[in-house]
Amino acid sequence: MSLFTALIASIRRDEEGQGLAEYALILALIAIVAIIALIFLGTQVSTILSKVGASV
């Protein structure tokens, strides 16, 4: 019976590790999209922020 419980416990640990890896991949994808957006829109955002700063 203890062999069976040990097997169930090892399966649970594997699923938790898999979930953590999936969250890490999602976070990496979000970071990549944010970096690409900043590269393409960075000059426009900088211009807008400069205008707001100058008007204050």
C-alpha atoms as a PDB file:
ATOM      1  CA  MET A   1       0.000   0.000   0.000  1.00  0.00           C
ATOM      2  CA  SER A   2       2.870   2.423   0.733  1.00  0.00           C
ATOM      3  CA  LEU A   3       4.225   1.873  -2.794  1.00  0.00           C
ATOM      4  CA  PHE A   4       0.898   3.038  -4.190  1.00  0.00           C
ATOM      5  CA  THR A   5       0.840   6.178  -2.037  1.00  0.00           C
ATOM      6  CA  ALA A   6       4.436   6.948  -3.003  1.00  0.00           C
ATOM      7  CA  LEU A   7       3.487   6.663  -6.687  1.00  0.00           C
ATOM      8  CA  ILE A   8       0.528   9.009  -6.223  1.00  0.00           C
ATOM      9  CA  ALA A   9       2.730  11.503  -4.360  1.00  0.00           C
ATOM     10  CA  SER A  10       5.342  11.503  -7.143  1.00  0.00           C
ATOM     11  CA  ILE A  11       2.655  12.110  -9.773  1.00  0.00           C
ATOM     12  CA  ARG A  12       1.338  15.091  -7.802  1.00  0.00           C
ATOM     13  CA  ARG A  13       4.817  16.615  -7.589  1.00  0.00           C
ATOM     14  CA  ASP A  14       5.283  16.222 -11.342  1.00  0.00           C
ATOM     15  CA  GLU A  15       2.017  18.040 -12.064  1.00  0.00           C
ATOM     16  CA  GLU A  16       2.976  20.931  -9.792  1.00  0.00           C
ATOM     17  CA  GLY A  17       6.285  21.290 -11.598  1.00  0.00           C
ATOM     18  CA  GLN A  18       4.521  21.223 -14.934  1.00  0.00           C
ATOM     19  CA  GLY A  19       2.131  23.974 -13.837  1.00  0.00           C
ATOM     20  CA  LEU A  20       5.040  26.108 -12.686  1.00  0.00           C
ATOM     21  CA  ALA A  21       6.758  25.652 -16.039  1.00  0.00           C
ATOM     22  CA  GLU A  22       3.598  26.680 -17.868  1.00  0.00           C
ATOM     23  CA  TYR A  23       3.322  29.864 -15.802  1.00  0.00           C
ATOM     24  CA  ALA A  24       6.975  30.632 -16.520  1.00  0.00           C
ATOM     25  CA  LEU A  25       6.381  30.231 -20.261  1.00  0.00           C
ATOM     26  CA  ILE A  26       3.347  32.519 -20.134  1.00  0.00           C
ATOM     27  CA  LEU A  27       5.319  35.166 -18.237  1.00  0.00           C
ATOM     28  CA  ALA A  28       8.177  34.905 -20.732  1.00  0.00           C
ATOM     29  CA  LEU A  29       5.757  35.337 -23.635  1.00  0.00           C
ATOM     30  CA  ILE A  30       4.186  38.402 -22.006  1.00  0.00           C
ATOM     31  CA  ALA A  31       7.640  39.884 -21.405  1.00  0.00           C
ATOM     32  CA  ILE A  32       8.647  39.319 -25.037  1.00  0.00           C
ATOM     33  CA  VAL A  33       5.445  40.960 -26.304  1.00  0.00           C
ATOM     34  CA  ALA A  34       5.957  43.932 -23.975  1.00  0.00           C
ATOM     35  CA  ILE A  35       9.567  44.385 -25.125  1.00  0.00           C
ATOM     36  CA  ILE A  36       8.559  44.238 -28.792  1.00  0.00           C
ATOM     37  CA  ALA A  37       5.776  46.762 -28.175  1.00  0.00           C
ATOM     38  CA  LEU A  38       8.218  49.118 -26.449  1.00  0.00           C
ATOM     39  CA  ILE A  39      10.676  48.817 -29.320  1.00  0.00           C
ATOM     40  CA  PHE A  40       8.066  49.735 -31.927  1.00  0.00           C
ATOM     41  CA  LEU A  41       6.135  52.302 -29.871  1.00  0.00           C
ATOM     42  CA  GLY A  42       8.965  53.661 -27.730  1.00  0.00           C
ATOM     43  CA  THR A  43       9.604  56.831 -29.710  1.00  0.00           C
ATOM     44  CA  GLN A  44       5.906  57.717 -29.834  1.00  0.00           C
ATOM     45  CA  VAL A  45       5.493  57.194 -26.099  1.00  0.00           C
ATOM     46  CA  SER A  46       8.648  59.204 -25.418  1.00  0.00           C
ATOM     47  CA  THR A  47       7.343  62.087 -27.517  1.00  0.00           C
ATOM     48  CA  ILE A  48       3.997  62.098 -25.706  1.00  0.00           C
ATOM     49  CA  LEU A  49       5.655  61.993 -22.295  1.00  0.00           C
ATOM     50  CA  SER A  50       7.982  64.855 -23.277  1.00  0.00           C
ATOM     51  CA  LYS A  51       5.017  66.994 -24.329  1.00  0.00           C
ATOM     52  CA  VAL A  52       3.209  66.249 -21.066  1.00  0.00           C
ATOM     53  CA  GLY A  53       6.333  67.045 -19.054  1.00  0.00           C
ATOM     54  CA  ALA A  54       6.884  70.305 -20.912  1.00  0.00           C
ATOM     55  CA  SER A  55       3.309  71.416 -20.378  1.00  0.00           C
ATOM     56  CA  VAL A  56       3.528  70.848 -16.630  1.00  0.00           C
END
